[in-house]
Amino acid sequence: MKELITKSDVGNILKYSRLQNKLSIEEVAASLKAYGYELAPRSLYNYESGLSMPPVNMFLVLCRIYGLEDLIPNDGTPEIKPDEREKMLIEYFRAESPEVQALTLKMLKPED
């Protein structure tokens, strides 16, 4: 199955957009930090060169930084940024088996 968009396509979009905005890799990394993403400049180079893909949420933030809001879906819900404790809980939750995840969700929000 052929990919609709490749790593190279995403990389080209990111690099072109960064250059159009006259931003350095370091400036983009600093902007990402303001959104809660710690990222080494090397990772941005990897995204721009098509070696790897940014996570979807980070890609959406990069679109916002580059002024590409028309690429960002807006369903009207506010963006929720988890704090460090919530991030830790998410990591623990994702590491568990589907059975433990289901029990956890049931405990947190029991059905009526």
PDB file of N, CA and C in Angstrom:
ATOM      1  N   MET A   1       0.832  -1.182   0.000  1.00  0.00           N
ATOM      2  CA  MET A   1       0.000   0.000   0.000  1.00  0.00           C
ATOM      3  C   MET A   1       0.876   1.245   0.000  1.00  0.00           C
ATOM      4  N   LYS A   2       0.649   2.119  -0.938  1.00  0.00           N
ATOM      5  CA  LYS A   2       1.443   3.332  -1.060  1.00  0.00           C
ATOM      6  C   LYS A   2       1.018   4.360  -0.013  1.00  0.00           C
ATOM      7  N   GLU A   3       2.011   4.983   0.627  1.00  0.00           N
ATOM      8  CA  GLU A   3       1.728   6.016   1.618  1.00  0.00           C
ATOM      9  C   GLU A   3       1.170   7.243   0.913  1.00  0.00           C
ATOM     10  N   LEU A   4       0.211   7.908   1.569  1.00  0.00           N
ATOM     11  CA  LEU A   4      -0.330   9.137   1.014  1.00  0.00           C
ATOM     12  C   LEU A   4       0.661  10.281   1.158  1.00  0.00           C
ATOM     13  N   ILE A   5       1.349  10.296   2.282  1.00  0.00           N
ATOM     14  CA  ILE A   5       2.367  11.313   2.508  1.00  0.00           C
ATOM     15  C   ILE A   5       3.573  10.612   3.126  1.00  0.00           C
ATOM     16  N   THR A   6       4.726  10.907   2.616  1.00  0.00           N
ATOM     17  CA  THR A   6       5.941  10.225   3.069  1.00  0.00           C
ATOM     18  C   THR A   6       6.689  11.067   4.090  1.00  0.00           C
ATOM     19  N   LYS A   7       7.672  10.445   4.745  1.00  0.00           N
ATOM     20  CA  LYS A   7       8.543  11.173   5.659  1.00  0.00           C
ATOM     21  C   LYS A   7       9.232  12.321   4.926  1.00  0.00           C
ATOM     22  N   SER A   8       9.609  12.062   3.698  1.00  0.00           N
ATOM     23  CA  SER A   8      10.275  13.080   2.893  1.00  0.00           C
ATOM     24  C   SER A   8       9.339  14.263   2.634  1.00  0.00           C
ATOM     25  N   ASP A   9       8.059  13.976   2.351  1.00  0.00           N
ATOM     26  CA  ASP A   9       7.076  15.056   2.142  1.00  0.00           C
ATOM     27  C   ASP A   9       6.954  15.924   3.389  1.00  0.00           C
ATOM     28  N   VAL A  10       6.811  15.264   4.545  1.00  0.00           N
ATOM     29  CA  VAL A  10       6.683  16.001   5.811  1.00  0.00           C
ATOM     30  C   VAL A  10       7.948  16.810   6.059  1.00  0.00           C
ATOM     31  N   GLY A  11       9.098  16.194   5.824  1.00  0.00           N
ATOM     32  CA  GLY A  11      10.362  16.903   6.016  1.00  0.00           C
ATOM     33  C   GLY A  11      10.468  18.143   5.141  1.00  0.00           C
ATOM     34  N   ASN A  12      10.063  18.009   3.887  1.00  0.00           N
ATOM     35  CA  ASN A  12      10.106  19.157   2.975  1.00  0.00           C
ATOM     36  C   ASN A  12       9.175  20.273   3.438  1.00  0.00           C
ATOM     37  N   ILE A  13       7.994  19.916   3.885  1.00  0.00           N
ATOM     38  CA  ILE A  13       7.042  20.917   4.390  1.00  0.00           C
ATOM     39  C   ILE A  13       7.632  21.636   5.600  1.00  0.00           C
ATOM     40  N   LEU A  14       8.197  20.859   6.528  1.00  0.00           N
ATOM     41  CA  LEU A  14       8.745  21.464   7.744  1.00  0.00           C
ATOM     42  C   LEU A  14       9.933  22.377   7.439  1.00  0.00           C
ATOM     43  N   LYS A  15      10.837  21.910   6.606  1.00  0.00           N
ATOM     44  CA  LYS A  15      12.021  22.724   6.304  1.00  0.00           C
ATOM     45  C   LYS A  15      11.628  23.987   5.536  1.00  0.00           C
ATOM     46  N   TYR A  16      10.794  23.839   4.516  1.00  0.00           N
ATOM     47  CA  TYR A  16      10.356  24.988   3.734  1.00  0.00           C
ATOM     48  C   TYR A  16       9.653  26.008   4.630  1.00  0.00           C
ATOM     49  N   SER A  17       8.779  25.532   5.496  1.00  0.00           N
ATOM     50  CA  SER A  17       8.025  26.432   6.370  1.00  0.00           C
ATOM     51  C   SER A  17       8.935  27.146   7.355  1.00  0.00           C
ATOM     52  N   ARG A  18       9.905  26.431   7.907  1.00  0.00           N
ATOM     53  CA  ARG A  18      10.851  27.063   8.834  1.00  0.00           C
ATOM     54  C   ARG A  18      11.654  28.144   8.134  1.00  0.00           C
ATOM     55  N   LEU A  19      12.138  27.836   6.935  1.00  0.00           N
ATOM     56  CA  LEU A  19      12.928  28.816   6.190  1.00  0.00           C
ATOM     57  C   LEU A  19      12.078  30.015   5.766  1.00  0.00           C
ATOM     58  N   GLN A  20      10.840  29.773   5.374  1.00  0.00           N
ATOM     59  CA  GLN A  20       9.937  30.874   5.000  1.00  0.00           C
ATOM     60  C   GLN A  20       9.700  31.817   6.176  1.00  0.00           C
ATOM     61  N   ASN A  21       9.693  31.262   7.386  1.00  0.00           N
ATOM     62  CA  ASN A  21       9.488  32.059   8.599  1.00  0.00           C
ATOM     63  C   ASN A  21      10.790  32.614   9.157  1.00  0.00           C
ATOM     64  N   LYS A  22      11.899  32.329   8.442  1.00  0.00           N
ATOM     65  CA  LYS A  22      13.230  32.811   8.843  1.00  0.00           C
ATOM     66  C   LYS A  22      13.557  32.435  10.293  1.00  0.00           C
ATOM     67  N   LEU A  23      13.298  31.158  10.615  1.00  0.00           N
ATOM     68  CA  LEU A  23      13.572  30.646  11.946  1.00  0.00           C
ATOM     69  C   LEU A  23      14.736  29.668  11.896  1.00  0.00           C
ATOM     70  N   SER A  24      15.576  29.722  12.908  1.00  0.00           N
ATOM     71  CA  SER A  24      16.656  28.737  13.025  1.00  0.00           C
ATOM     72  C   SER A  24      16.096  27.495  13.717  1.00  0.00           C
ATOM     73  N   ILE A  25      16.824  26.421  13.595  1.00  0.00           N
ATOM     74  CA  ILE A  25      16.450  25.184  14.288  1.00  0.00           C
ATOM     75  C   ILE A  25      16.347  25.441  15.788  1.00  0.00           C
ATOM     76  N   GLU A  26      17.276  26.197  16.326  1.00  0.00           N
ATOM     77  CA  GLU A  26      17.288  26.494  17.763  1.00  0.00           C
ATOM     78  C   GLU A  26      16.059  27.309  18.162  1.00  0.00           C
ATOM     79  N   GLU A  27      15.635  28.245  17.316  1.00  0.00           N
ATOM     80  CA  GLU A  27      14.437  29.034  17.614  1.00  0.00           C
ATOM     81  C   GLU A  27      13.183  28.159  17.610  1.00  0.00           C
ATOM     82  N   VAL A  28      13.129  27.228  16.687  1.00  0.00           N
ATOM     83  CA  VAL A  28      11.980  26.310  16.637  1.00  0.00           C
ATOM     84  C   VAL A  28      11.975  25.423  17.883  1.00  0.00           C
ATOM     85  N   ALA A  29      13.142  24.931  18.285  1.00  0.00           N
ATOM     86  CA  ALA A  29      13.235  24.100  19.492  1.00  0.00           C
ATOM     87  C   ALA A  29      12.769  24.889  20.711  1.00  0.00           C
ATOM     88  N   ALA A  30      13.133  26.168  20.788  1.00  0.00           N
ATOM     89  CA  ALA A  30      12.696  27.009  21.904  1.00  0.00           C
ATOM     90  C   ALA A  30      11.181  27.225  21.866  1.00  0.00           C
ATOM     91  N   SER A  31      10.629  27.408  20.686  1.00  0.00           N
ATOM     92  CA  SER A  31       9.184  27.566  20.555  1.00  0.00           C
ATOM     93  C   SER A  31       8.461  26.288  20.969  1.00  0.00           C
ATOM     94  N   LEU A  32       9.000  25.151  20.579  1.00  0.00           N
ATOM     95  CA  LEU A  32       8.405  23.874  20.976  1.00  0.00           C
ATOM     96  C   LEU A  32       8.424  23.711  22.487  1.00  0.00           C
ATOM     97  N   LYS A  33       9.498  24.175  23.107  1.00  0.00           N
ATOM     98  CA  LYS A  33       9.615  24.078  24.569  1.00  0.00           C
ATOM     99  C   LYS A  33       8.487  24.849  25.241  1.00  0.00           C
ATOM    100  N   ALA A  34       8.106  25.977  24.667  1.00  0.00           N
ATOM    101  CA  ALA A  34       7.000  26.766  25.220  1.00  0.00           C
ATOM    102  C   ALA A  34       5.685  26.001  25.174  1.00  0.00           C
ATOM    103  N   TYR A  35       5.583  25.044  24.267  1.00  0.00           N
ATOM    104  CA  TYR A  35       4.394  24.191  24.162  1.00  0.00           C
ATOM    105  C   TYR A  35       4.548  22.893  24.960  1.00  0.00           C
ATOM    106  N   GLY A  36       5.660  22.758  25.669  1.00  0.00           N
ATOM    107  CA  GLY A  36       5.868  21.583  26.500  1.00  0.00           C
ATOM    108  C   GLY A  36       6.644  20.452  25.850  1.00  0.00           C
ATOM    109  N   TYR A  37       7.283  20.714  24.712  1.00  0.00           N
ATOM    110  CA  TYR A  37       8.058  19.680  24.017  1.00  0.00           C
ATOM    111  C   TYR A  37       9.545  19.974  24.138  1.00  0.00           C
ATOM    112  N   GLU A  38      10.269  19.079  24.805  1.00  0.00           N
ATOM    113  CA  GLU A  38      11.725  19.157  24.864  1.00  0.00           C
ATOM    114  C   GLU A  38      12.258  18.382  23.671  1.00  0.00           C
ATOM    115  N   LEU A  39      12.988  19.047  22.809  1.00  0.00           N
ATOM    116  CA  LEU A  39      13.455  18.382  21.603  1.00  0.00           C
ATOM    117  C   LEU A  39      14.849  18.870  21.251  1.00  0.00           C
ATOM    118  N   ALA A  40      15.729  17.939  21.003  1.00  0.00           N
ATOM    119  CA  ALA A  40      17.081  18.289  20.584  1.00  0.00           C
ATOM    120  C   ALA A  40      17.041  18.793  19.144  1.00  0.00           C
ATOM    121  N   PRO A  41      17.855  19.812  18.826  1.00  0.00           N
ATOM    122  CA  PRO A  41      17.905  20.301  17.452  1.00  0.00           C
ATOM    123  C   PRO A  41      18.151  19.178  16.436  1.00  0.00           C
ATOM    124  N   ARG A  42      18.917  18.174  16.825  1.00  0.00           N
ATOM    125  CA  ARG A  42      19.213  17.052  15.927  1.00  0.00           C
ATOM    126  C   ARG A  42      17.925  16.345  15.487  1.00  0.00           C
ATOM    127  N   SER A  43      16.952  16.250  16.401  1.00  0.00           N
ATOM    128  CA  SER A  43      15.674  15.613  16.053  1.00  0.00           C
ATOM    129  C   SER A  43      14.940  16.419  14.993  1.00  0.00           C
ATOM    130  N   LEU A  44      15.003  17.748  15.095  1.00  0.00           N
ATOM    131  CA  LEU A  44      14.373  18.590  14.070  1.00  0.00           C
ATOM    132  C   LEU A  44      15.048  18.391  12.718  1.00  0.00           C
ATOM    133  N   TYR A  45      16.369  18.284  12.730  1.00  0.00           N
ATOM    134  CA  TYR A  45      17.084  18.004  11.475  1.00  0.00           C
ATOM    135  C   TYR A  45      16.612  16.673  10.887  1.00  0.00           C
ATOM    136  N   ASN A  46      16.434  15.676  11.757  1.00  0.00           N
ATOM    137  CA  ASN A  46      15.961  14.366  11.281  1.00  0.00           C
ATOM    138  C   ASN A  46      14.565  14.462  10.678  1.00  0.00           C
ATOM    139  N   TYR A  47      13.693  15.260  11.282  1.00  0.00           N
ATOM    140  CA  TYR A  47      12.348  15.443  10.722  1.00  0.00           C
ATOM    141  C   TYR A  47      12.438  16.124   9.356  1.00  0.00           C
ATOM    142  N   GLU A  48      13.235  17.183   9.282  1.00  0.00           N
ATOM    143  CA  GLU A  48      13.342  17.948   8.041  1.00  0.00           C
ATOM    144  C   GLU A  48      14.012  17.155   6.915  1.00  0.00           C
ATOM    145  N   SER A  49      14.880  16.243   7.272  1.00  0.00           N
ATOM    146  CA  SER A  49      15.558  15.462   6.239  1.00  0.00           C
ATOM    147  C   SER A  49      14.774  14.203   5.864  1.00  0.00           C
ATOM    148  N   GLY A  50      13.658  13.962   6.547  1.00  0.00           N
ATOM    149  CA  GLY A  50      12.839  12.806   6.237  1.00  0.00           C
ATOM    150  C   GLY A  50      13.338  11.502   6.839  1.00  0.00           C
ATOM    151  N   LEU A  51      14.286  11.591   7.768  1.00  0.00           N
ATOM    152  CA  LEU A  51      14.784  10.380   8.427  1.00  0.00           C
ATOM    153  C   LEU A  51      13.788   9.843   9.447  1.00  0.00           C
ATOM    154  N   SER A  52      13.020  10.738  10.049  1.00  0.00           N
ATOM    155  CA  SER A  52      12.003  10.317  11.014  1.00  0.00           C
ATOM    156  C   SER A  52      10.825  11.284  10.942  1.00  0.00           C
ATOM    157  N   MET A  53       9.725  10.878  11.577  1.00  0.00           N
ATOM    158  CA  MET A  53       8.504  11.687  11.561  1.00  0.00           C
ATOM    159  C   MET A  53       8.240  12.203  12.966  1.00  0.00           C
ATOM    160  N   PRO A  54       7.816  13.452  13.084  1.00  0.00           N
ATOM    161  CA  PRO A  54       7.435  13.940  14.411  1.00  0.00           C
ATOM    162  C   PRO A  54       6.122  13.293  14.835  1.00  0.00           C
ATOM    163  N   PRO A  55       5.912  13.150  16.148  1.00  0.00           N
ATOM    164  CA  PRO A  55       4.600  12.689  16.597  1.00  0.00           C
ATOM    165  C   PRO A  55       3.522  13.651  16.098  1.00  0.00           C
ATOM    166  N   VAL A  56       2.329  13.150  15.921  1.00  0.00           N
ATOM    167  CA  VAL A  56       1.248  13.957  15.346  1.00  0.00           C
ATOM    168  C   VAL A  56       1.034  15.238  16.134  1.00  0.00           C
ATOM    169  N   ASN A  57       0.971  15.143  17.469  1.00  0.00           N
ATOM    170  CA  ASN A  57       0.738  16.347  18.270  1.00  0.00           C
ATOM    171  C   ASN A  57       1.838  17.385  18.062  1.00  0.00           C
ATOM    172  N   MET A  58       3.070  16.920  17.963  1.00  0.00           N
ATOM    173  CA  MET A  58       4.173  17.845  17.736  1.00  0.00           C
ATOM    174  C   MET A  58       4.084  18.450  16.334  1.00  0.00           C
ATOM    175  N   PHE A  59       3.693  17.655  15.357  1.00  0.00           N
ATOM    176  CA  PHE A  59       3.524  18.179  14.002  1.00  0.00           C
ATOM    177  C   PHE A  59       2.482  19.298  13.995  1.00  0.00           C
ATOM    178  N   LEU A  60       1.394  19.114  14.729  1.00  0.00           N
ATOM    179  CA  LEU A  60       0.362  20.147  14.800  1.00  0.00           C
ATOM    180  C   LEU A  60       0.899  21.421  15.452  1.00  0.00           C
ATOM    181  N   VAL A  61       1.723  21.267  16.474  1.00  0.00           N
ATOM    182  CA  VAL A  61       2.341  22.439  17.107  1.00  0.00           C
ATOM    183  C   VAL A  61       3.293  23.122  16.136  1.00  0.00           C
ATOM    184  N   LEU A  62       4.070  22.333  15.395  1.00  0.00           N
ATOM    185  CA  LEU A  62       4.961  22.929  14.392  1.00  0.00           C
ATOM    186  C   LEU A  62       4.163  23.699  13.342  1.00  0.00           C
ATOM    187  N   CYS A  63       3.027  23.160  12.936  1.00  0.00           N
ATOM    188  CA  CYS A  63       2.162  23.886  11.994  1.00  0.00           C
ATOM    189  C   CYS A  63       1.740  25.222  12.582  1.00  0.00           C
ATOM    190  N   ARG A  64       1.406  25.225  13.865  1.00  0.00           N
ATOM    191  CA  ARG A  64       1.009  26.480  14.530  1.00  0.00           C
ATOM    192  C   ARG A  64       2.186  27.458  14.554  1.00  0.00           C
ATOM    193  N   ILE A  65       3.366  26.970  14.897  1.00  0.00           N
ATOM    194  CA  ILE A  65       4.566  27.823  14.952  1.00  0.00           C
ATOM    195  C   ILE A  65       4.850  28.432  13.580  1.00  0.00           C
ATOM    196  N   TYR A  66       4.662  27.645  12.522  1.00  0.00           N
ATOM    197  CA  TYR A  66       4.962  28.096  11.172  1.00  0.00           C
ATOM    198  C   TYR A  66       3.818  28.840  10.501  1.00  0.00           C
ATOM    199  N   GLY A  67       2.724  29.032  11.231  1.00  0.00           N
ATOM    200  CA  GLY A  67       1.601  29.769  10.654  1.00  0.00           C
ATOM    201  C   GLY A  67       0.799  28.959   9.651  1.00  0.00           C
ATOM    202  N   LEU A  68       0.785  27.661   9.831  1.00  0.00           N
ATOM    203  CA  LEU A  68       0.043  26.788   8.926  1.00  0.00           C
ATOM    204  C   LEU A  68      -1.250  26.313   9.585  1.00  0.00           C
ATOM    205  N   GLU A  69      -1.959  27.248  10.216  1.00  0.00           N
ATOM    206  CA  GLU A  69      -3.166  26.896  10.961  1.00  0.00           C
ATOM    207  C   GLU A  69      -4.214  26.204  10.106  1.00  0.00           C
ATOM    208  N   ASP A  70      -4.209  26.476   8.805  1.00  0.00           N
ATOM    209  CA  ASP A  70      -5.197  25.834   7.940  1.00  0.00           C
ATOM    210  C   ASP A  70      -4.992  24.322   7.846  1.00  0.00           C
ATOM    211  N   LEU A  71      -3.829  23.820   8.277  1.00  0.00           N
ATOM    212  CA  LEU A  71      -3.587  22.375   8.303  1.00  0.00           C
ATOM    213  C   LEU A  71      -4.028  21.738   9.612  1.00  0.00           C
ATOM    214  N   ILE A  72      -4.380  22.577  10.599  1.00  0.00           N
ATOM    215  CA  ILE A  72      -4.724  22.075  11.929  1.00  0.00           C
ATOM    216  C   ILE A  72      -6.230  21.943  12.048  1.00  0.00           C
ATOM    217  N   PRO A  73      -6.720  20.724  12.312  1.00  0.00           N
ATOM    218  CA  PRO A  73      -8.163  20.583  12.514  1.00  0.00           C
ATOM    219  C   PRO A  73      -8.583  21.322  13.781  1.00  0.00           C
ATOM    220  N   ASN A  74      -9.710  21.975  13.718  1.00  0.00           N
ATOM    221  CA  ASN A  74     -10.206  22.711  14.877  1.00  0.00           C
ATOM    222  C   ASN A  74     -11.638  22.285  15.141  1.00  0.00           C
ATOM    223  N   ASP A  75     -11.802  21.457  16.151  1.00  0.00           N
ATOM    224  CA  ASP A  75     -13.147  21.006  16.495  1.00  0.00           C
ATOM    225  C   ASP A  75     -13.736  21.819  17.638  1.00  0.00           C
ATOM    226  N   GLY A  76     -13.038  22.884  18.031  1.00  0.00           N
ATOM    227  CA  GLY A  76     -13.559  23.764  19.066  1.00  0.00           C
ATOM    228  C   GLY A  76     -13.192  23.361  20.478  1.00  0.00           C
ATOM    229  N   THR A  77     -12.552  22.212  20.660  1.00  0.00           N
ATOM    230  CA  THR A  77     -12.174  21.810  22.006  1.00  0.00           C
ATOM    231  C   THR A  77     -10.830  22.432  22.357  1.00  0.00           C
ATOM    232  N   PRO A  78     -10.679  22.899  23.594  1.00  0.00           N
ATOM    233  CA  PRO A  78      -9.407  23.505  23.984  1.00  0.00           C
ATOM    234  C   PRO A  78      -8.311  22.458  24.100  1.00  0.00           C
ATOM    235  N   GLU A  79      -7.090  22.881  23.836  1.00  0.00           N
ATOM    236  CA  GLU A  79      -5.942  21.983  23.944  1.00  0.00           C
ATOM    237  C   GLU A  79      -5.627  21.755  25.417  1.00  0.00           C
ATOM    238  N   ILE A  80      -5.450  20.498  25.791  1.00  0.00           N
ATOM    239  CA  ILE A  80      -5.133  20.155  27.175  1.00  0.00           C
ATOM    240  C   ILE A  80      -3.668  19.750  27.237  1.00  0.00           C
ATOM    241  N   LYS A  81      -2.920  20.424  28.096  1.00  0.00           N
ATOM    242  CA  LYS A  81      -1.503  20.109  28.264  1.00  0.00           C
ATOM    243  C   LYS A  81      -1.326  19.438  29.617  1.00  0.00           C
ATOM    244  N   PRO A  82      -0.943  18.153  29.621  1.00  0.00           N
ATOM    245  CA  PRO A  82      -0.761  17.463  30.902  1.00  0.00           C
ATOM    246  C   PRO A  82       0.460  17.988  31.651  1.00  0.00           C
ATOM    247  N   ASP A  83       0.331  18.028  32.989  1.00  0.00           N
ATOM    248  CA  ASP A  83       1.495  18.398  33.797  1.00  0.00           C
ATOM    249  C   ASP A  83       2.382  17.164  33.953  1.00  0.00           C
ATOM    250  N   GLU A  84       3.495  17.310  34.669  1.00  0.00           N
ATOM    251  CA  GLU A  84       4.459  16.212  34.781  1.00  0.00           C
ATOM    252  C   GLU A  84       3.853  14.977  35.440  1.00  0.00           C
ATOM    253  N   ARG A  85       3.029  15.180  36.461  1.00  0.00           N
ATOM    254  CA  ARG A  85       2.401  14.050  37.139  1.00  0.00           C
ATOM    255  C   ARG A  85       1.448  13.313  36.206  1.00  0.00           C
ATOM    256  N   GLU A  86       0.691  14.062  35.423  1.00  0.00           N
ATOM    257  CA  GLU A  86      -0.230  13.448  34.464  1.00  0.00           C
ATOM    258  C   GLU A  86       0.535  12.706  33.366  1.00  0.00           C
ATOM    259  N   LYS A  87       1.650  13.260  32.923  1.00  0.00           N
ATOM    260  CA  LYS A  87       2.476  12.573  31.928  1.00  0.00           C
ATOM    261  C   LYS A  87       2.971  11.232  32.458  1.00  0.00           C
ATOM    262  N   MET A  88       3.361  11.229  33.743  1.00  0.00           N
ATOM    263  CA  MET A  88       3.830   9.997  34.361  1.00  0.00           C
ATOM    264  C   MET A  88       2.698   8.960  34.386  1.00  0.00           C
ATOM    265  N   LEU A  89       1.491   9.378  34.750  1.00  0.00           N
ATOM    266  CA  LEU A  89       0.352   8.464  34.775  1.00  0.00           C
ATOM    267  C   LEU A  89       0.051   7.907  33.388  1.00  0.00           C
ATOM    268  N   ILE A  90       0.158   8.754  32.376  1.00  0.00           N
ATOM    269  CA  ILE A  90      -0.073   8.304  31.002  1.00  0.00           C
ATOM    270  C   ILE A  90       0.950   7.243  30.615  1.00  0.00           C
ATOM    271  N   GLU A  91       2.210   7.478  30.965  1.00  0.00           N
ATOM    272  CA  GLU A  91       3.257   6.504  30.649  1.00  0.00           C
ATOM    273  C   GLU A  91       2.985   5.166  31.338  1.00  0.00           C
ATOM    274  N   TYR A  92       2.609   5.213  32.624  1.00  0.00           N
ATOM    275  CA  TYR A  92       2.290   3.977  33.350  1.00  0.00           C
ATOM    276  C   TYR A  92       1.112   3.267  32.697  1.00  0.00           C
ATOM    277  N   PHE A  93       0.090   4.024  32.355  1.00  0.00           N
ATOM    278  CA  PHE A  93      -1.120   3.461  31.756  1.00  0.00           C
ATOM    279  C   PHE A  93      -0.790   2.765  30.433  1.00  0.00           C
ATOM    280  N   ARG A  94      -0.026   3.440  29.584  1.00  0.00           N
ATOM    281  CA  ARG A  94       0.326   2.872  28.275  1.00  0.00           C
ATOM    282  C   ARG A  94       1.176   1.617  28.391  1.00  0.00           C
ATOM    283  N   ALA A  95       1.952   1.508  29.465  1.00  0.00           N
ATOM    284  CA  ALA A  95       2.831   0.352  29.645  1.00  0.00           C
ATOM    285  C   ALA A  95       2.076  -0.889  30.126  1.00  0.00           C
ATOM    286  N   GLU A  96       0.863  -0.702  30.600  1.00  0.00           N
ATOM    287  CA  GLU A  96       0.085  -1.825  31.136  1.00  0.00           C
ATOM    288  C   GLU A  96      -0.603  -2.618  30.035  1.00  0.00           C
ATOM    289  N   SER A  97      -1.039  -3.808  30.415  1.00  0.00           N
ATOM    290  CA  SER A  97      -1.767  -4.681  29.487  1.00  0.00           C
ATOM    291  C   SER A  97      -3.158  -4.096  29.224  1.00  0.00           C
ATOM    292  N   PRO A  98      -3.792  -4.501  28.132  1.00  0.00           N
ATOM    293  CA  PRO A  98      -5.148  -4.019  27.850  1.00  0.00           C
ATOM    294  C   PRO A  98      -6.129  -4.326  28.983  1.00  0.00           C
ATOM    295  N   GLU A  99      -5.939  -5.456  29.656  1.00  0.00           N
ATOM    296  CA  GLU A  99      -6.827  -5.816  30.759  1.00  0.00           C
ATOM    297  C   GLU A  99      -6.689  -4.831  31.921  1.00  0.00           C
ATOM    298  N   VAL A 100      -5.463  -4.505  32.276  1.00  0.00           N
ATOM    299  CA  VAL A 100      -5.225  -3.554  33.367  1.00  0.00           C
ATOM    300  C   VAL A 100      -5.728  -2.167  32.971  1.00  0.00           C
ATOM    301  N   GLN A 101      -5.521  -1.786  31.716  1.00  0.00           N
ATOM    302  CA  GLN A 101      -6.037  -0.501  31.249  1.00  0.00           C
ATOM    303  C   GLN A 101      -7.550  -0.443  31.378  1.00  0.00           C
ATOM    304  N   ALA A 102      -8.233  -1.524  30.972  1.00  0.00           N
ATOM    305  CA  ALA A 102      -9.698  -1.557  31.050  1.00  0.00           C
ATOM    306  C   ALA A 102     -10.170  -1.452  32.500  1.00  0.00           C
ATOM    307  N   LEU A 103      -9.509  -2.179  33.417  1.00  0.00           N
ATOM    308  CA  LEU A 103      -9.876  -2.109  34.835  1.00  0.00           C
ATOM    309  C   LEU A 103      -9.629  -0.715  35.404  1.00  0.00           C
ATOM    310  N   THR A 104      -8.535  -0.118  35.018  1.00  0.00           N
ATOM    311  CA  THR A 104      -8.219   1.234  35.484  1.00  0.00           C
ATOM    312  C   THR A 104      -9.292   2.215  35.032  1.00  0.00           C
ATOM    313  N   LEU A 105      -9.657   2.141  33.773  1.00  0.00           N
ATOM    314  CA  LEU A 105     -10.699   3.038  33.259  1.00  0.00           C
ATOM    315  C   LEU A 105     -12.024   2.801  33.970  1.00  0.00           C
ATOM    316  N   LYS A 106     -12.324   1.559  34.262  1.00  0.00           N
ATOM    317  CA  LYS A 106     -13.564   1.230  34.965  1.00  0.00           C
ATOM    318  C   LYS A 106     -13.565   1.808  36.372  1.00  0.00           C
ATOM    319  N   MET A 107     -12.412   1.745  37.031  1.00  0.00           N
ATOM    320  CA  MET A 107     -12.301   2.297  38.384  1.00  0.00           C
ATOM    321  C   MET A 107     -12.425   3.819  38.363  1.00  0.00           C
ATOM    322  N   LEU A 108     -11.853   4.447  37.346  1.00  0.00           N
ATOM    323  CA  LEU A 108     -11.880   5.908  37.272  1.00  0.00           C
ATOM    324  C   LEU A 108     -13.247   6.450  36.880  1.00  0.00           C
ATOM    325  N   LYS A 109     -13.954   5.704  36.040  1.00  0.00           N
ATOM    326  CA  LYS A 109     -15.263   6.158  35.586  1.00  0.00           C
ATOM    327  C   LYS A 109     -16.197   4.956  35.490  1.00  0.00           C
ATOM    328  N   PRO A 110     -16.725   4.526  36.645  1.00  0.00           N
ATOM    329  CA  PRO A 110     -17.603   3.370  36.617  1.00  0.00           C
ATOM    330  C   PRO A 110     -18.882   3.682  35.846  1.00  0.00           C
ATOM    331  N   GLU A 111     -19.366   2.667  35.143  1.00  0.00           N
ATOM    332  CA  GLU A 111     -20.613   2.843  34.384  1.00  0.00           C
ATOM    333  C   GLU A 111     -21.777   2.880  35.352  1.00  0.00           C
ATOM    334  N   ASP A 112     -22.757   3.688  35.017  1.00  0.00           N
ATOM    335  CA  ASP A 112     -23.960   3.795  35.875  1.00  0.00           C
ATOM    336  C   ASP A 112     -24.903   2.660  35.652  1.00  0.00           C
TER     337      ASP A 112
END
